[in-house]
mmCIF file of all heavy atoms, coordinates in Angstrom:
data_MODEL
# 
_entry.id   MODEL 
# 
loop_
_atom_site.group_PDB 
_atom_site.id 
_atom_site.type_symbol 
_atom_site.label_atom_id 
_atom_site.label_alt_id 
_atom_site.label_comp_id 
_atom_site.label_asym_id 
_atom_site.label_entity_id 
_atom_site.label_seq_id 
_atom_site.pdbx_PDB_ins_code 
_atom_site.Cartn_x 
_atom_site.Cartn_y 
_atom_site.Cartn_z 
_atom_site.occupancy 
_atom_site.B_iso_or_equiv 
_atom_site.pdbx_formal_charge 
_atom_site.auth_seq_id 
_atom_site.auth_comp_id 
_atom_site.auth_asym_id 
_atom_site.auth_atom_id 
_atom_site.pdbx_PDB_model_num 
ATOM 1   N N   . ASP A 1 1  ? -9.774  -32.440 -166.687 1.00 0.00 ? 1  ASP A N   1 
ATOM 2   C CA  . ASP A 1 1  ? -10.601 -33.443 -166.044 1.00 0.00 ? 1  ASP A CA  1 
ATOM 3   C C   . ASP A 1 1  ? -11.903 -33.601 -166.813 1.00 0.00 ? 1  ASP A C   1 
ATOM 4   O O   . ASP A 1 1  ? -12.698 -32.666 -166.904 1.00 0.00 ? 1  ASP A O   1 
ATOM 5   C CB  . ASP A 1 1  ? -10.909 -33.031 -164.603 1.00 0.00 ? 1  ASP A CB  1 
ATOM 6   C CG  . ASP A 1 1  ? -9.652  -33.021 -163.743 1.00 0.00 ? 1  ASP A CG  1 
ATOM 7   O OD1 . ASP A 1 1  ? -8.771  -33.854 -164.011 1.00 0.00 ? 1  ASP A OD1 1 
ATOM 8   O OD2 . ASP A 1 1  ? -9.558  -32.188 -162.839 1.00 0.00 ? 1  ASP A OD2 1 
ATOM 9   N N   . ILE A 1 2  ? -12.124 -34.761 -167.367 1.00 0.00 ? 2  ILE A N   1 
ATOM 10  C CA  . ILE A 1 2  ? -13.366 -35.053 -168.065 1.00 0.00 ? 2  ILE A CA  1 
ATOM 11  C C   . ILE A 1 2  ? -14.398 -35.534 -167.050 1.00 0.00 ? 2  ILE A C   1 
ATOM 12  O O   . ILE A 1 2  ? -14.134 -36.438 -166.263 1.00 0.00 ? 2  ILE A O   1 
ATOM 13  C CB  . ILE A 1 2  ? -13.160 -36.125 -169.148 1.00 0.00 ? 2  ILE A CB  1 
ATOM 14  C CG1 . ILE A 1 2  ? -12.102 -35.661 -170.158 1.00 0.00 ? 2  ILE A CG1 1 
ATOM 15  C CG2 . ILE A 1 2  ? -14.472 -36.431 -169.856 1.00 0.00 ? 2  ILE A CG2 1 
ATOM 16  C CD1 . ILE A 1 2  ? -12.456 -34.396 -170.885 1.00 0.00 ? 2  ILE A CD1 1 
ATOM 17  N N   . LEU A 1 3  ? -15.576 -34.926 -167.067 1.00 0.00 ? 3  LEU A N   1 
ATOM 18  C CA  . LEU A 1 3  ? -16.656 -35.286 -166.160 1.00 0.00 ? 3  LEU A CA  1 
ATOM 19  C C   . LEU A 1 3  ? -17.839 -35.825 -166.952 1.00 0.00 ? 3  LEU A C   1 
ATOM 20  O O   . LEU A 1 3  ? -17.953 -35.591 -168.157 1.00 0.00 ? 3  LEU A O   1 
ATOM 21  C CB  . LEU A 1 3  ? -17.094 -34.069 -165.339 1.00 0.00 ? 3  LEU A CB  1 
ATOM 22  C CG  . LEU A 1 3  ? -16.020 -33.415 -164.463 1.00 0.00 ? 3  LEU A CG  1 
ATOM 23  C CD1 . LEU A 1 3  ? -16.558 -32.136 -163.843 1.00 0.00 ? 3  LEU A CD1 1 
ATOM 24  C CD2 . LEU A 1 3  ? -15.550 -34.386 -163.378 1.00 0.00 ? 3  LEU A CD2 1 
ATOM 25  N N   . ILE A 1 4  ? -18.700 -36.537 -166.275 1.00 0.00 ? 4  ILE A N   1 
ATOM 26  C CA  . ILE A 1 4  ? -19.897 -37.101 -166.889 1.00 0.00 ? 4  ILE A CA  1 
ATOM 27  C C   . ILE A 1 4  ? -21.075 -36.805 -165.978 1.00 0.00 ? 4  ILE A C   1 
ATOM 28  O O   . ILE A 1 4  ? -20.985 -36.981 -164.760 1.00 0.00 ? 4  ILE A O   1 
ATOM 29  C CB  . ILE A 1 4  ? -19.760 -38.624 -167.082 1.00 0.00 ? 4  ILE A CB  1 
ATOM 30  C CG1 . ILE A 1 4  ? -18.519 -38.954 -167.911 1.00 0.00 ? 4  ILE A CG1 1 
ATOM 31  C CG2 . ILE A 1 4  ? -20.998 -39.214 -167.764 1.00 0.00 ? 4  ILE A CG2 1 
ATOM 32  C CD1 . ILE A 1 4  ? -18.111 -40.416 -167.862 1.00 0.00 ? 4  ILE A CD1 1 
ATOM 33  N N   . ILE A 1 5  ? -22.179 -36.336 -166.560 1.00 0.00 ? 5  ILE A N   1 
ATOM 34  C CA  . ILE A 1 5  ? -23.375 -36.013 -165.768 1.00 0.00 ? 5  ILE A CA  1 
ATOM 35  C C   . ILE A 1 5  ? -24.558 -36.830 -166.265 1.00 0.00 ? 5  ILE A C   1 
ATOM 36  O O   . ILE A 1 5  ? -24.713 -37.056 -167.467 1.00 0.00 ? 5  ILE A O   1 
ATOM 37  C CB  . ILE A 1 5  ? -23.690 -34.498 -165.829 1.00 0.00 ? 5  ILE A CB  1 
ATOM 38  C CG1 . ILE A 1 5  ? -24.811 -34.152 -164.849 1.00 0.00 ? 5  ILE A CG1 1 
ATOM 39  C CG2 . ILE A 1 5  ? -24.018 -34.050 -167.238 1.00 0.00 ? 5  ILE A CG2 1 
ATOM 40  C CD1 . ILE A 1 5  ? -25.027 -32.654 -164.665 1.00 0.00 ? 5  ILE A CD1 1 
ATOM 41  N N   . ASP A 1 6  ? -25.373 -37.302 -165.356 1.00 0.00 ? 6  ASP A N   1 
ATOM 42  C CA  . ASP A 1 6  ? -26.577 -38.043 -165.698 1.00 0.00 ? 6  ASP A CA  1 
ATOM 43  C C   . ASP A 1 6  ? -27.565 -37.883 -164.552 1.00 0.00 ? 6  ASP A C   1 
ATOM 44  O O   . ASP A 1 6  ? -27.209 -37.396 -163.466 1.00 0.00 ? 6  ASP A O   1 
ATOM 45  C CB  . ASP A 1 6  ? -26.262 -39.514 -165.942 1.00 0.00 ? 6  ASP A CB  1 
ATOM 46  C CG  . ASP A 1 6  ? -27.360 -40.224 -166.740 1.00 0.00 ? 6  ASP A CG  1 
ATOM 47  O OD1 . ASP A 1 6  ? -28.314 -39.544 -167.160 1.00 0.00 ? 6  ASP A OD1 1 
ATOM 48  O OD2 . ASP A 1 6  ? -27.267 -41.450 -166.930 1.00 0.00 ? 6  ASP A OD2 1 
ATOM 49  N N   . SER A 1 7  ? -28.808 -38.285 -164.766 1.00 0.00 ? 7  SER A N   1 
ATOM 50  C CA  . SER A 1 7  ? -29.833 -38.119 -163.740 1.00 0.00 ? 7  SER A CA  1 
ATOM 51  C C   . SER A 1 7  ? -30.614 -39.406 -163.540 1.00 0.00 ? 7  SER A C   1 
ATOM 52  O O   . SER A 1 7  ? -30.627 -40.289 -164.409 1.00 0.00 ? 7  SER A O   1 
ATOM 53  C CB  . SER A 1 7  ? -30.791 -36.991 -164.123 1.00 0.00 ? 7  SER A CB  1 
ATOM 54  O OG  . SER A 1 7  ? -31.487 -37.314 -165.317 1.00 0.00 ? 7  SER A OG  1 
ATOM 55  N N   . LYS A 1 8  ? -31.245 -39.506 -162.368 1.00 0.00 ? 8  LYS A N   1 
ATOM 56  C CA  . LYS A 1 8  ? -32.054 -40.668 -162.009 1.00 0.00 ? 8  LYS A CA  1 
ATOM 57  C C   . LYS A 1 8  ? -33.285 -40.200 -161.245 1.00 0.00 ? 8  LYS A C   1 
ATOM 58  O O   . LYS A 1 8  ? -33.167 -39.459 -160.263 1.00 0.00 ? 8  LYS A O   1 
ATOM 59  C CB  . LYS A 1 8  ? -31.238 -41.618 -161.125 1.00 0.00 ? 8  LYS A CB  1 
ATOM 60  C CG  . LYS A 1 8  ? -32.057 -42.769 -160.549 1.00 0.00 ? 8  LYS A CG  1 
ATOM 61  C CD  . LYS A 1 8  ? -31.255 -43.569 -159.542 1.00 0.00 ? 8  LYS A CD  1 
ATOM 62  C CE  . LYS A 1 8  ? -32.091 -44.678 -158.916 1.00 0.00 ? 8  LYS A CE  1 
ATOM 63  N NZ  . LYS A 1 8  ? -31.334 -45.443 -157.903 1.00 0.00 ? 8  LYS A NZ  1 
ATOM 64  N N   . PRO A 1 9  ? -34.483 -40.601 -161.683 1.00 0.00 ? 9  PRO A N   1 
ATOM 65  C CA  . PRO A 1 9  ? -35.691 -40.219 -160.940 1.00 0.00 ? 9  PRO A CA  1 
ATOM 66  C C   . PRO A 1 9  ? -35.711 -40.869 -159.554 1.00 0.00 ? 9  PRO A C   1 
ATOM 67  O O   . PRO A 1 9  ? -35.278 -42.004 -159.376 1.00 0.00 ? 9  PRO A O   1 
ATOM 68  C CB  . PRO A 1 9  ? -36.834 -40.767 -161.816 1.00 0.00 ? 9  PRO A CB  1 
ATOM 69  C CG  . PRO A 1 9  ? -36.227 -40.983 -163.157 1.00 0.00 ? 9  PRO A CG  1 
ATOM 70  C CD  . PRO A 1 9  ? -34.795 -41.342 -162.918 1.00 0.00 ? 9  PRO A CD  1 
ATOM 71  N N   . LEU A 1 10 ? -36.222 -40.118 -158.579 1.00 0.00 ? 10 LEU A N   1 
ATOM 72  C CA  . LEU A 1 10 ? -36.424 -40.626 -157.226 1.00 0.00 ? 10 LEU A CA  1 
ATOM 73  C C   . LEU A 1 10 ? -37.910 -40.477 -156.903 1.00 0.00 ? 10 LEU A C   1 
ATOM 74  O O   . LEU A 1 10 ? -38.325 -39.532 -156.219 1.00 0.00 ? 10 LEU A O   1 
ATOM 75  C CB  . LEU A 1 10 ? -35.569 -39.851 -156.218 1.00 0.00 ? 10 LEU A CB  1 
ATOM 76  C CG  . LEU A 1 10 ? -34.058 -39.851 -156.451 1.00 0.00 ? 10 LEU A CG  1 
ATOM 77  C CD1 . LEU A 1 10 ? -33.370 -38.957 -155.439 1.00 0.00 ? 10 LEU A CD1 1 
ATOM 78  C CD2 . LEU A 1 10 ? -33.493 -41.261 -156.383 1.00 0.00 ? 10 LEU A CD2 1 
ATOM 79  N N   . PRO A 1 11 ? -38.753 -41.367 -157.395 1.00 0.00 ? 11 PRO A N   1 
ATOM 80  C CA  . PRO A 1 11 ? -40.203 -41.201 -157.232 1.00 0.00 ? 11 PRO A CA  1 
ATOM 81  C C   . PRO A 1 11 ? -40.681 -41.552 -155.830 1.00 0.00 ? 11 PRO A C   1 
ATOM 82  O O   . PRO A 1 11 ? -40.142 -42.441 -155.175 1.00 0.00 ? 11 PRO A O   1 
ATOM 83  C CB  . PRO A 1 11 ? -40.767 -42.183 -158.263 1.00 0.00 ? 11 PRO A CB  1 
ATOM 84  C CG  . PRO A 1 11 ? -39.725 -43.256 -158.372 1.00 0.00 ? 11 PRO A CG  1 
ATOM 85  C CD  . PRO A 1 11 ? -38.400 -42.565 -158.190 1.00 0.00 ? 11 PRO A CD  1 
ATOM 86  N N   . ILE A 1 12 ? -41.701 -40.806 -155.383 1.00 0.00 ? 12 ILE A N   1 
ATOM 87  C CA  . ILE A 1 12 ? -42.401 -41.182 -154.166 1.00 0.00 ? 12 ILE A CA  1 
ATOM 88  C C   . ILE A 1 12 ? -43.803 -41.694 -154.508 1.00 0.00 ? 12 ILE A C   1 
ATOM 89  O O   . ILE A 1 12 ? -44.487 -42.248 -153.649 1.00 0.00 ? 12 ILE A O   1 
ATOM 90  C CB  . ILE A 1 12 ? -42.496 -40.009 -153.171 1.00 0.00 ? 12 ILE A CB  1 
ATOM 91  C CG1 . ILE A 1 12 ? -43.283 -38.846 -153.772 1.00 0.00 ? 12 ILE A CG1 1 
ATOM 92  C CG2 . ILE A 1 12 ? -41.113 -39.555 -152.748 1.00 0.00 ? 12 ILE A CG2 1 
ATOM 93  C CD1 . ILE A 1 12 ? -43.550 -37.723 -152.781 1.00 0.00 ? 12 ILE A CD1 1 
ATOM 94  N N   . ALA A 1 13 ? -44.230 -41.478 -155.767 1.00 0.00 ? 13 ALA A N   1 
ATOM 95  C CA  . ALA A 1 13 ? -45.526 -41.977 -156.212 1.00 0.00 ? 13 ALA A CA  1 
ATOM 96  C C   . ALA A 1 13 ? -45.556 -41.998 -157.733 1.00 0.00 ? 13 ALA A C   1 
ATOM 97  O O   . ALA A 1 13 ? -44.891 -41.194 -158.392 1.00 0.00 ? 13 ALA A O   1 
ATOM 98  C CB  . ALA A 1 13 ? -46.659 -41.114 -155.686 1.00 0.00 ? 13 ALA A CB  1 
ATOM 99  N N   . GLN A 1 14 ? -46.346 -42.910 -158.291 1.00 0.00 ? 14 GLN A N   1 
ATOM 100 C CA  . GLN A 1 14 ? -46.522 -43.013 -159.724 1.00 0.00 ? 14 GLN A CA  1 
ATOM 101 C C   . GLN A 1 14 ? -47.988 -43.301 -160.015 1.00 0.00 ? 14 GLN A C   1 
ATOM 102 O O   . GLN A 1 14 ? -48.757 -43.728 -159.149 1.00 0.00 ? 14 GLN A O   1 
ATOM 103 C CB  . GLN A 1 14 ? -45.640 -44.124 -160.308 1.00 0.00 ? 14 GLN A CB  1 
ATOM 104 C CG  . GLN A 1 14 ? -44.145 -43.811 -160.260 1.00 0.00 ? 14 GLN A CG  1 
ATOM 105 C CD  . GLN A 1 14 ? -43.296 -44.933 -160.840 1.00 0.00 ? 14 GLN A CD  1 
ATOM 106 O OE1 . GLN A 1 14 ? -42.969 -45.884 -160.150 1.00 0.00 ? 14 GLN A OE1 1 
ATOM 107 N NE2 . GLN A 1 14 ? -42.965 -44.814 -162.104 1.00 0.00 ? 14 GLN A NE2 1 
ATOM 108 N N   . GLY A 1 15 ? -48.373 -43.082 -161.279 1.00 0.00 ? 15 GLY A N   1 
ATOM 109 C CA  . GLY A 1 15 ? -49.739 -43.388 -161.680 1.00 0.00 ? 15 GLY A CA  1 
ATOM 110 C C   . GLY A 1 15 ? -50.768 -42.517 -160.976 1.00 0.00 ? 15 GLY A C   1 
ATOM 111 O O   . GLY A 1 15 ? -50.569 -41.320 -160.734 1.00 0.00 ? 15 GLY A O   1 
ATOM 112 N N   . ALA A 1 16 ? -51.909 -43.132 -160.606 1.00 0.00 ? 16 ALA A N   1 
ATOM 113 C CA  . ALA A 1 16 ? -53.008 -42.396 -159.977 1.00 0.00 ? 16 ALA A CA  1 
ATOM 114 C C   . ALA A 1 16 ? -52.620 -41.812 -158.622 1.00 0.00 ? 16 ALA A C   1 
ATOM 115 O O   . ALA A 1 16 ? -53.199 -40.821 -158.165 1.00 0.00 ? 16 ALA A O   1 
ATOM 116 C CB  . ALA A 1 16 ? -54.224 -43.313 -159.827 1.00 0.00 ? 16 ALA A CB  1 
ATOM 117 N N   . ARG A 1 17 ? -51.637 -42.410 -157.961 1.00 0.00 ? 17 ARG A N   1 
ATOM 118 C CA  . ARG A 1 17 ? -51.238 -41.933 -156.636 1.00 0.00 ? 17 ARG A CA  1 
ATOM 119 C C   . ARG A 1 17 ? -50.553 -40.568 -156.674 1.00 0.00 ? 17 ARG A C   1 
ATOM 120 O O   . ARG A 1 17 ? -50.393 -39.929 -155.633 1.00 0.00 ? 17 ARG A O   1 
ATOM 121 C CB  . ARG A 1 17 ? -50.308 -42.954 -155.981 1.00 0.00 ? 17 ARG A CB  1 
ATOM 122 C CG  . ARG A 1 17 ? -50.977 -44.299 -155.690 1.00 0.00 ? 17 ARG A CG  1 
ATOM 123 C CD  . ARG A 1 17 ? -50.036 -45.224 -154.969 1.00 0.00 ? 17 ARG A CD  1 
ATOM 124 N NE  . ARG A 1 17 ? -50.686 -46.483 -154.618 1.00 0.00 ? 17 ARG A NE  1 
ATOM 125 C CZ  . ARG A 1 17 ? -50.101 -47.463 -153.930 1.00 0.00 ? 17 ARG A CZ  1 
ATOM 126 N NH1 . ARG A 1 17 ? -48.834 -47.312 -153.527 1.00 0.00 ? 17 ARG A NH1 1 
ATOM 127 N NH2 . ARG A 1 17 ? -50.755 -48.576 -153.662 1.00 0.00 ? 17 ARG A NH2 1 
ATOM 128 N N   . MET A 1 18 ? -50.134 -40.126 -157.869 1.00 0.00 ? 18 MET A N   1 
ATOM 129 C CA  . MET A 1 18 ? -49.445 -38.835 -157.954 1.00 0.00 ? 18 MET A CA  1 
ATOM 130 C C   . MET A 1 18 ? -50.357 -37.674 -157.556 1.00 0.00 ? 18 MET A C   1 
ATOM 131 O O   . MET A 1 18 ? -49.880 -36.624 -157.138 1.00 0.00 ? 18 MET A O   1 
ATOM 132 C CB  . MET A 1 18 ? -48.910 -38.621 -159.378 1.00 0.00 ? 18 MET A CB  1 
ATOM 133 C CG  . MET A 1 18 ? -47.773 -39.547 -159.767 1.00 0.00 ? 18 MET A CG  1 
ATOM 134 S SD  . MET A 1 18 ? -46.966 -39.046 -161.312 1.00 0.00 ? 18 MET A SD  1 
ATOM 135 C CE  . MET A 1 18 ? -48.323 -39.208 -162.481 1.00 0.00 ? 18 MET A CE  1 
ATOM 136 N N   . LYS A 1 19 ? -51.674 -37.846 -157.716 1.00 0.00 ? 19 LYS A N   1 
ATOM 137 C CA  . LYS A 1 19 ? -52.617 -36.761 -157.463 1.00 0.00 ? 19 LYS A CA  1 
ATOM 138 C C   . LYS A 1 19 ? -53.028 -36.656 -156.002 1.00 0.00 ? 19 LYS A C   1 
ATOM 139 O O   . LYS A 1 19 ? -53.738 -35.737 -155.615 1.00 0.00 ? 19 LYS A O   1 
ATOM 140 C CB  . LYS A 1 19 ? -53.852 -36.938 -158.340 1.00 0.00 ? 19 LYS A CB  1 
ATOM 141 C CG  . LYS A 1 19 ? -53.545 -36.894 -159.834 1.00 0.00 ? 19 LYS A CG  1 
ATOM 142 C CD  . LYS A 1 19 ? -54.799 -37.054 -160.669 1.00 0.00 ? 19 LYS A CD  1 
ATOM 143 C CE  . LYS A 1 19 ? -54.482 -37.018 -162.162 1.00 0.00 ? 19 LYS A CE  1 
ATOM 144 N NZ  . LYS A 1 19 ? -55.716 -37.180 -162.973 1.00 0.00 ? 19 LYS A NZ  1 
ATOM 145 N N   . ARG A 1 20 ? -52.621 -37.594 -155.169 1.00 0.00 ? 20 ARG A N   1 
ATOM 146 C CA  . ARG A 1 20 ? -52.999 -37.562 -153.762 1.00 0.00 ? 20 ARG A CA  1 
ATOM 147 C C   . ARG A 1 20 ? -52.202 -36.479 -153.023 1.00 0.00 ? 20 ARG A C   1 
ATOM 148 O O   . ARG A 1 20 ? -51.059 -36.179 -153.375 1.00 0.00 ? 20 ARG A O   1 
ATOM 149 C CB  . ARG A 1 20 ? -52.740 -38.916 -153.106 1.00 0.00 ? 20 ARG A CB  1 
ATOM 150 C CG  . ARG A 1 20 ? -53.587 -40.044 -153.688 1.00 0.00 ? 20 ARG A CG  1 
ATOM 151 C CD  . ARG A 1 20 ? -53.258 -41.355 -152.998 1.00 0.00 ? 20 ARG A CD  1 
ATOM 152 N NE  . ARG A 1 20 ? -54.036 -42.454 -153.569 1.00 0.00 ? 20 ARG A NE  1 
ATOM 153 C CZ  . ARG A 1 20 ? -53.933 -43.728 -153.183 1.00 0.00 ? 20 ARG A CZ  1 
ATOM 154 N NH1 . ARG A 1 20 ? -53.065 -44.043 -152.208 1.00 0.00 ? 20 ARG A NH1 1 
ATOM 155 N NH2 . ARG A 1 20 ? -54.661 -44.656 -153.754 1.00 0.00 ? 20 ARG A NH2 1 
ATOM 156 N N   . PRO A 1 21 ? -52.801 -35.863 -151.999 1.00 0.00 ? 21 PRO A N   1 
ATOM 157 C CA  . PRO A 1 21 ? -52.084 -34.835 -151.222 1.00 0.00 ? 21 PRO A CA  1 
ATOM 158 C C   . PRO A 1 21 ? -50.825 -35.418 -150.566 1.00 0.00 ? 21 PRO A C   1 
ATOM 159 O O   . PRO A 1 21 ? -50.823 -36.559 -150.097 1.00 0.00 ? 21 PRO A O   1 
ATOM 160 C CB  . PRO A 1 21 ? -53.114 -34.408 -150.166 1.00 0.00 ? 21 PRO A CB  1 
ATOM 161 C CG  . PRO A 1 21 ? -54.430 -34.793 -150.748 1.00 0.00 ? 21 PRO A CG  1 
ATOM 162 C CD  . PRO A 1 21 ? -54.190 -36.039 -151.550 1.00 0.00 ? 21 PRO A CD  1 
ATOM 163 N N   . ARG A 1 22 ? -49.758 -34.613 -150.536 1.00 0.00 ? 22 ARG A N   1 
ATOM 164 C CA  . ARG A 1 22 ? -48.485 -35.066 -149.966 1.00 0.00 ? 22 ARG A CA  1 
ATOM 165 C C   . ARG A 1 22 ? -47.959 -34.045 -148.970 1.00 0.00 ? 22 ARG A C   1 
ATOM 166 O O   . ARG A 1 22 ? -48.126 -32.828 -149.159 1.00 0.00 ? 22 ARG A O   1 
ATOM 167 C CB  . ARG A 1 22 ? -47.446 -35.254 -151.085 1.00 0.00 ? 22 ARG A CB  1 
ATOM 168 C CG  . ARG A 1 22 ? -47.845 -36.260 -152.146 1.00 0.00 ? 22 ARG A CG  1 
ATOM 169 C CD  . ARG A 1 22 ? -47.693 -37.683 -151.673 1.00 0.00 ? 22 ARG A CD  1 
ATOM 170 N NE  . ARG A 1 22 ? -48.283 -38.608 -152.631 1.00 0.00 ? 22 ARG A NE  1 
ATOM 171 C CZ  . ARG A 1 22 ? -48.361 -39.920 -152.439 1.00 0.00 ? 22 ARG A CZ  1 
ATOM 172 N NH1 . ARG A 1 22 ? -47.882 -40.450 -151.319 1.00 0.00 ? 22 ARG A NH1 1 
ATOM 173 N NH2 . ARG A 1 22 ? -48.923 -40.696 -153.343 1.00 0.00 ? 22 ARG A NH2 1 
ATOM 174 N N   . GLN A 1 23 ? -47.348 -34.555 -147.904 1.00 0.00 ? 23 GLN A N   1 
ATOM 175 C CA  . GLN A 1 23 ? -46.715 -33.658 -146.950 1.00 0.00 ? 23 GLN A CA  1 
ATOM 176 C C   . GLN A 1 23 ? -45.422 -33.059 -147.507 1.00 0.00 ? 23 GLN A C   1 
ATOM 177 O O   . GLN A 1 23 ? -45.017 -31.981 -147.113 1.00 0.00 ? 23 GLN A O   1 
ATOM 178 C CB  . GLN A 1 23 ? -46.427 -34.400 -145.646 1.00 0.00 ? 23 GLN A CB  1 
ATOM 179 C CG  . GLN A 1 23 ? -47.671 -34.785 -144.860 1.00 0.00 ? 23 GLN A CG  1 
ATOM 180 C CD  . GLN A 1 23 ? -47.337 -35.444 -143.541 1.00 0.00 ? 23 GLN A CD  1 
ATOM 181 O OE1 . GLN A 1 23 ? -46.203 -35.880 -143.330 1.00 0.00 ? 23 GLN A OE1 1 
ATOM 182 N NE2 . GLN A 1 23 ? -48.319 -35.501 -142.648 1.00 0.00 ? 23 GLN A NE2 1 
ATOM 183 N N   . GLN A 1 24 ? -44.798 -33.785 -148.422 1.00 0.00 ? 24 GLN A N   1 
ATOM 184 C CA  . GLN A 1 24 ? -43.551 -33.309 -149.017 1.00 0.00 ? 24 GLN A CA  1 
ATOM 185 C C   . GLN A 1 24 ? -43.894 -32.324 -150.133 1.00 0.00 ? 24 GLN A C   1 
ATOM 186 O O   . GLN A 1 24 ? -44.020 -32.702 -151.296 1.00 0.00 ? 24 GLN A O   1 
ATOM 187 C CB  . GLN A 1 24 ? -42.729 -34.477 -149.560 1.00 0.00 ? 24 GLN A CB  1 
ATOM 188 C CG  . GLN A 1 24 ? -42.325 -35.481 -148.494 1.00 0.00 ? 24 GLN A CG  1 
ATOM 189 C CD  . GLN A 1 24 ? -41.431 -36.571 -149.058 1.00 0.00 ? 24 GLN A CD  1 
ATOM 190 O OE1 . GLN A 1 24 ? -40.527 -36.314 -149.826 1.00 0.00 ? 24 GLN A OE1 1 
ATOM 191 N NE2 . GLN A 1 24 ? -41.681 -37.811 -148.640 1.00 0.00 ? 24 GLN A NE2 1 
# 
C-alpha cells in the first residue's frame, strides 16, 4: 500500500496578532 503524507497550517492568528494572549 503506497501512502502519501502532507500537512496544512490551521492558523488562529497571523502577523501582529500572534503575540496577543490566547486561551488556547
